[in-house]
Amino acid sequence: MASKSLFSGVAVALLATASQFAVAQTAAPQATAPAPAAPITRAERKKETAAENKAGELTPAGQAGPSMAMPKEKSTLTRAERKKQTAAENMAGELTPAGQAGPSMTMPKEKSTLTRAERKKQTAAENKAGELIPAGQAGYTPAAPKDKSTLTRAERKKETAAANKAGKINSGEASDR
């Protein structure tokens, strides 16, 4: 008899918990979620975008981030004045080359004193000596050029065989010596 009342008590508790869970699930979306808004039509979206564009709130294409936002105030210079100012900055070497946004890439301030022929000759000599940095390898420092061997292939093979026989070359195998 005790087990019958125990089972009925567990069943009542389980039923009460399940009903509370069901009521909470159906009531939760109504209490927390706002009423679904009607979808925006294409015409409405175009109208909003045009208004944001006119207000200058749109980020230009390809310009992710707030740092590249368009200036809020309009320039007081005319186009001719701006062109004259840019030309003066260019002559003074104050402009950053296109695509070189980083501060580490600056143009040299002084002009070269070499002629084109002298510069080509110097570059060819640097290339032959292995001193030039390959294209796209700005932080790369090449290793010092190795001395060229004066031995023939047969002489190198003979020298290597002798060193191997004398045990001066580690072949990668474990040894007991």
C-alpha atoms as a PDB file:
ATOM      1  CA  MET A   1       0.000   0.000   0.000  1.00  0.00           C
ATOM      2  CA  ALA A   2       2.869   2.329   0.763  1.00  0.00           C
ATOM      3  CA  SER A   3       4.385   1.748  -2.665  1.00  0.00           C
ATOM      4  CA  LYS A   4       1.033   2.572  -4.326  1.00  0.00           C
ATOM      5  CA  SER A   5       0.828   5.926  -2.545  1.00  0.00           C
ATOM      6  CA  LEU A   6       4.520   6.571  -3.339  1.00  0.00           C
ATOM      7  CA  PHE A   7       3.942   5.991  -7.065  1.00  0.00           C
ATOM      8  CA  SER A   8       0.836   8.185  -7.062  1.00  0.00           C
ATOM      9  CA  GLY A   9       2.771  10.974  -5.259  1.00  0.00           C
ATOM     10  CA  VAL A  10       5.602  10.809  -7.799  1.00  0.00           C
ATOM     11  CA  ALA A  11       3.103  10.800 -10.660  1.00  0.00           C
ATOM     12  CA  VAL A  12       1.330  13.894  -9.291  1.00  0.00           C
ATOM     13  CA  ALA A  13       4.631  15.730  -8.839  1.00  0.00           C
ATOM     14  CA  LEU A  14       5.763  14.778 -12.372  1.00  0.00           C
ATOM     15  CA  LEU A  15       2.435  15.889 -13.840  1.00  0.00           C
ATOM     16  CA  ALA A  16       2.581  19.224 -11.984  1.00  0.00           C
ATOM     17  CA  THR A  17       6.150  19.905 -13.172  1.00  0.00           C
ATOM     18  CA  ALA A  18       5.327  19.015 -16.776  1.00  0.00           C
ATOM     19  CA  SER A  19       2.250  21.233 -16.804  1.00  0.00           C
ATOM     20  CA  GLN A  20       4.198  24.170 -15.357  1.00  0.00           C
ATOM     21  CA  PHE A  21       6.886  23.668 -18.006  1.00  0.00           C
ATOM     22  CA  ALA A  22       4.287  23.587 -20.786  1.00  0.00           C
ATOM     23  CA  VAL A  23       2.599  26.753 -19.526  1.00  0.00           C
ATOM     24  CA  ALA A  24       5.969  28.531 -19.193  1.00  0.00           C
ATOM     25  CA  GLN A  25       6.921  27.577 -22.754  1.00  0.00           C
ATOM     26  CA  THR A  26       3.728  28.901 -24.293  1.00  0.00           C
ATOM     27  CA  ALA A  27       3.727  32.071 -22.185  1.00  0.00           C
ATOM     28  CA  ALA A  28       7.422  32.964 -22.632  1.00  0.00           C
ATOM     29  CA  PRO A  29       7.368  34.015 -26.314  1.00  0.00           C
ATOM     30  CA  GLN A  30       4.364  36.269 -25.740  1.00  0.00           C
ATOM     31  CA  ALA A  31       5.968  37.958 -22.743  1.00  0.00           C
ATOM     32  CA  THR A  32       9.488  38.498 -24.084  1.00  0.00           C
ATOM     33  CA  ALA A  33       9.232  38.786 -27.853  1.00  0.00           C
ATOM     34  CA  PRO A  34       7.772  41.954 -29.397  1.00  0.00           C
ATOM     35  CA  ALA A  35       5.045  41.682 -31.962  1.00  0.00           C
ATOM     36  CA  PRO A  36       6.540  40.755 -35.351  1.00  0.00           C
ATOM     37  CA  ALA A  37       6.961  43.832 -37.540  1.00  0.00           C
ATOM     38  CA  ALA A  38       5.949  43.817 -41.163  1.00  0.00           C
ATOM     39  CA  PRO A  39       8.924  43.224 -43.476  1.00  0.00           C
ATOM     40  CA  ILE A  40      10.409  46.307 -45.110  1.00  0.00           C
ATOM     41  CA  THR A  41       9.749  46.588 -48.815  1.00  0.00           C
ATOM     42  CA  ARG A  42      12.470  47.242 -51.343  1.00  0.00           C
ATOM     43  CA  ALA A  43      11.181  50.757 -51.995  1.00  0.00           C
ATOM     44  CA  GLU A  44      11.278  51.577 -48.272  1.00  0.00           C
ATOM     45  CA  ARG A  45      14.843  50.217 -47.982  1.00  0.00           C
ATOM     46  CA  LYS A  46      15.960  52.318 -50.982  1.00  0.00           C
ATOM     47  CA  LYS A  47      14.358  55.396 -49.427  1.00  0.00           C
ATOM     48  CA  GLU A  48      16.162  54.806 -46.097  1.00  0.00           C
ATOM     49  CA  THR A  49      19.504  54.234 -47.852  1.00  0.00           C
ATOM     50  CA  ALA A  50      19.112  57.391 -49.938  1.00  0.00           C
ATOM     51  CA  ALA A  51      18.408  59.406 -46.774  1.00  0.00           C
ATOM     52  CA  GLU A  52      21.487  57.927 -45.008  1.00  0.00           C
ATOM     53  CA  ASN A  53      23.610  58.658 -48.091  1.00  0.00           C
ATOM     54  CA  LYS A  54      22.449  62.266 -48.212  1.00  0.00           C
ATOM     55  CA  ALA A  55      23.194  62.654 -44.485  1.00  0.00           C
ATOM     56  CA  GLY A  56      26.692  61.179 -45.034  1.00  0.00           C
ATOM     57  CA  GLU A  57      26.106  58.243 -42.683  1.00  0.00           C
ATOM     58  CA  LEU A  58      27.050  55.485 -45.152  1.00  0.00           C
ATOM     59  CA  THR A  59      30.529  53.967 -45.125  1.00  0.00           C
ATOM     60  CA  PRO A  60      32.146  53.992 -48.580  1.00  0.00           C
ATOM     61  CA  ALA A  61      32.424  50.637 -50.340  1.00  0.00           C
ATOM     62  CA  GLY A  62      35.438  48.629 -49.196  1.00  0.00           C
ATOM     63  CA  GLN A  63      36.103  50.934 -46.230  1.00  0.00           C
ATOM     64  CA  ALA A  64      35.394  48.738 -43.228  1.00  0.00           C
ATOM     65  CA  GLY A  65      35.605  50.421 -39.875  1.00  0.00           C
ATOM     66  CA  PRO A  66      34.895  53.836 -38.433  1.00  0.00           C
ATOM     67  CA  SER A  67      38.430  55.131 -39.054  1.00  0.00           C
ATOM     68  CA  MET A  68      37.707  55.501 -42.763  1.00  0.00           C
ATOM     69  CA  ALA A  69      34.431  57.384 -42.358  1.00  0.00           C
ATOM     70  CA  MET A  70      33.779  60.372 -44.576  1.00  0.00           C
ATOM     71  CA  PRO A  71      34.415  63.792 -43.003  1.00  0.00           C
ATOM     72  CA  LYS A  72      31.274  65.447 -41.623  1.00  0.00           C
ATOM     73  CA  GLU A  73      32.145  69.024 -42.608  1.00  0.00           C
ATOM     74  CA  LYS A  74      32.530  70.157 -46.187  1.00  0.00           C
ATOM     75  CA  SER A  75      35.774  71.598 -47.506  1.00  0.00           C
ATOM     76  CA  THR A  76      36.065  75.361 -47.812  1.00  0.00           C
ATOM     77  CA  LEU A  77      38.568  75.104 -50.687  1.00  0.00           C
ATOM     78  CA  THR A  78      37.618  75.180 -54.324  1.00  0.00           C
ATOM     79  CA  ARG A  79      38.706  72.353 -56.591  1.00  0.00           C
ATOM     80  CA  ALA A  80      41.446  74.507 -58.147  1.00  0.00           C
ATOM     81  CA  GLU A  81      42.773  75.493 -54.701  1.00  0.00           C
ATOM     82  CA  ARG A  82      42.803  71.857 -53.550  1.00  0.00           C
ATOM     83  CA  LYS A  83      44.660  70.760 -56.712  1.00  0.00           C
ATOM     84  CA  LYS A  84      47.235  73.540 -56.179  1.00  0.00           C
ATOM     85  CA  GLN A  85      47.701  72.497 -52.521  1.00  0.00           C
ATOM     86  CA  THR A  86      48.101  68.802 -53.470  1.00  0.00           C
ATOM     87  CA  ALA A  87      50.654  69.665 -56.163  1.00  0.00           C
ATOM     88  CA  ALA A  88      52.663  71.691 -53.620  1.00  0.00           C
ATOM     89  CA  GLU A  89      52.574  68.773 -51.131  1.00  0.00           C
ATOM     90  CA  ASN A  90      53.674  66.415 -53.902  1.00  0.00           C
ATOM     91  CA  MET A  91      56.627  68.642 -54.843  1.00  0.00           C
ATOM     92  CA  ALA A  92      57.648  68.809 -51.158  1.00  0.00           C
ATOM     93  CA  GLY A  93      57.461  64.988 -50.912  1.00  0.00           C
ATOM     94  CA  GLU A  94      54.761  65.063 -48.237  1.00  0.00           C
ATOM     95  CA  LEU A  95      52.271  62.776 -50.020  1.00  0.00           C
ATOM     96  CA  THR A  96      52.150  59.056 -49.285  1.00  0.00           C
ATOM     97  CA  PRO A  97      52.230  56.952 -52.461  1.00  0.00           C
ATOM     98  CA  ALA A  98      48.986  55.193 -53.408  1.00  0.00           C
ATOM     99  CA  GLY A  99      48.581  51.913 -51.556  1.00  0.00           C
ATOM    100  CA  GLN A 100      51.280  52.780 -49.008  1.00  0.00           C
ATOM    101  CA  ALA A 101      49.106  53.657 -46.022  1.00  0.00           C
ATOM    102  CA  GLY A 102      51.552  52.410 -43.390  1.00  0.00           C
ATOM    103  CA  PRO A 103      53.968  54.822 -41.745  1.00  0.00           C
ATOM    104  CA  SER A 104      56.903  52.479 -42.387  1.00  0.00           C
ATOM    105  CA  MET A 105      56.762  53.012 -46.149  1.00  0.00           C
ATOM    106  CA  THR A 106      58.055  56.526 -46.748  1.00  0.00           C
ATOM    107  CA  MET A 107      59.706  57.900 -49.822  1.00  0.00           C
ATOM    108  CA  PRO A 108      63.328  59.077 -49.563  1.00  0.00           C
ATOM    109  CA  LYS A 109      63.647  62.830 -49.047  1.00  0.00           C
ATOM    110  CA  GLU A 110      66.840  63.385 -51.060  1.00  0.00           C
ATOM    111  CA  LYS A 111      67.216  62.955 -54.796  1.00  0.00           C
ATOM    112  CA  SER A 112      69.701  60.482 -56.243  1.00  0.00           C
ATOM    113  CA  THR A 113      72.942  61.853 -57.652  1.00  0.00           C
ATOM    114  CA  LEU A 114      73.523  58.825 -59.914  1.00  0.00           C
ATOM    115  CA  THR A 115      72.631  58.708 -63.579  1.00  0.00           C
ATOM    116  CA  ARG A 116      70.325  55.982 -64.831  1.00  0.00           C
ATOM    117  CA  ALA A 117      73.236  54.047 -66.344  1.00  0.00           C
ATOM    118  CA  GLU A 118      75.213  54.250 -63.082  1.00  0.00           C
ATOM    119  CA  ARG A 119      72.197  53.076 -61.075  1.00  0.00           C
ATOM    120  CA  LYS A 120      71.618  50.130 -63.451  1.00  0.00           C
ATOM    121  CA  LYS A 121      75.279  49.128 -63.140  1.00  0.00           C
ATOM    122  CA  GLN A 122      75.119  49.367 -59.335  1.00  0.00           C
ATOM    123  CA  THR A 123      71.902  47.313 -59.190  1.00  0.00           C
ATOM    124  CA  ALA A 124      73.386  44.628 -61.451  1.00  0.00           C
ATOM    125  CA  ALA A 125      76.438  44.397 -59.166  1.00  0.00           C
ATOM    126  CA  GLU A 126      74.219  44.140 -56.056  1.00  0.00           C
ATOM    127  CA  ASN A 127      72.132  41.452 -57.753  1.00  0.00           C
ATOM    128  CA  LYS A 128      75.236  39.438 -58.676  1.00  0.00           C
ATOM    129  CA  ALA A 129      76.509  39.706 -55.090  1.00  0.00           C
ATOM    130  CA  GLY A 130      73.114  38.556 -53.750  1.00  0.00           C
ATOM    131  CA  GLU A 131      72.485  41.792 -51.859  1.00  0.00           C
ATOM    132  CA  LEU A 132      69.085  42.655 -53.340  1.00  0.00           C
ATOM    133  CA  ILE A 133      65.905  41.906 -51.406  1.00  0.00           C
ATOM    134  CA  PRO A 134      63.448  39.846 -53.502  1.00  0.00           C
ATOM    135  CA  ALA A 135      60.187  41.546 -54.475  1.00  0.00           C
ATOM    136  CA  GLY A 136      57.606  41.362 -51.691  1.00  0.00           C
ATOM    137  CA  GLN A 137      60.203  40.432 -49.037  1.00  0.00           C
ATOM    138  CA  ALA A 138      60.446  43.750 -47.187  1.00  0.00           C
ATOM    139  CA  GLY A 139      61.541  42.324 -43.812  1.00  0.00           C
ATOM    140  CA  TYR A 140      63.550  39.465 -45.292  1.00  0.00           C
ATOM    141  CA  THR A 141      67.309  39.462 -44.824  1.00  0.00           C
ATOM    142  CA  PRO A 142      69.083  37.048 -47.164  1.00  0.00           C
ATOM    143  CA  ALA A 143      71.847  34.811 -45.830  1.00  0.00           C
ATOM    144  CA  ALA A 144      75.406  35.703 -46.660  1.00  0.00           C
ATOM    145  CA  PRO A 145      76.507  34.179 -49.956  1.00  0.00           C
ATOM    146  CA  LYS A 146      78.500  30.976 -49.507  1.00  0.00           C
ATOM    147  CA  ASP A 147      81.941  30.559 -51.011  1.00  0.00           C
ATOM    148  CA  LYS A 148      81.876  28.496 -54.164  1.00  0.00           C
ATOM    149  CA  SER A 149      83.656  25.161 -53.982  1.00  0.00           C
ATOM    150  CA  THR A 150      86.639  24.598 -56.243  1.00  0.00           C
ATOM    151  CA  LEU A 151      86.366  20.795 -55.960  1.00  0.00           C
ATOM    152  CA  THR A 152      84.931  18.627 -58.703  1.00  0.00           C
ATOM    153  CA  ARG A 153      82.070  16.259 -57.998  1.00  0.00           C
ATOM    154  CA  ALA A 154      84.412  13.252 -57.935  1.00  0.00           C
ATOM    155  CA  GLU A 155      86.733  15.010 -55.454  1.00  0.00           C
ATOM    156  CA  ARG A 156      83.777  15.897 -53.190  1.00  0.00           C
ATOM    157  CA  LYS A 157      82.539  12.261 -53.281  1.00  0.00           C
ATOM    158  CA  LYS A 158      86.015  10.974 -52.397  1.00  0.00           C
ATOM    159  CA  GLU A 159      86.361  13.510 -49.543  1.00  0.00           C
ATOM    160  CA  THR A 160      82.905  12.630 -48.165  1.00  0.00           C
ATOM    161  CA  ALA A 161      83.611   8.891 -48.310  1.00  0.00           C
ATOM    162  CA  ALA A 162      86.889   9.365 -46.414  1.00  0.00           C
ATOM    163  CA  ALA A 163      85.182  11.500 -43.740  1.00  0.00           C
ATOM    164  CA  ASN A 164      82.399   8.940 -43.419  1.00  0.00           C
ATOM    165  CA  LYS A 165      84.909   6.078 -43.039  1.00  0.00           C
ATOM    166  CA  ALA A 166      86.801   8.041 -40.371  1.00  0.00           C
ATOM    167  CA  GLY A 167      83.529   8.548 -38.451  1.00  0.00           C
ATOM    168  CA  LYS A 168      83.506  12.329 -38.851  1.00  0.00           C
ATOM    169  CA  ILE A 169      80.054  12.344 -40.475  1.00  0.00           C
ATOM    170  CA  ASN A 170      76.974  11.513 -38.406  1.00  0.00           C
ATOM    171  CA  SER A 171      74.683   9.481 -40.623  1.00  0.00           C
ATOM    172  CA  GLY A 172      71.723   9.843 -38.282  1.00  0.00           C
ATOM    173  CA  GLU A 173      72.026   6.279 -36.916  1.00  0.00           C
ATOM    174  CA  ALA A 174      72.631   5.619 -33.247  1.00  0.00           C
ATOM    175  CA  SER A 175      76.160   4.427 -32.596  1.00  0.00           C
ATOM    176  CA  ASP A 176      77.803   2.678 -29.645  1.00  0.00           C
ATOM    177  CA  ARG A 177      81.192   4.406 -30.011  1.00  0.00           C
END
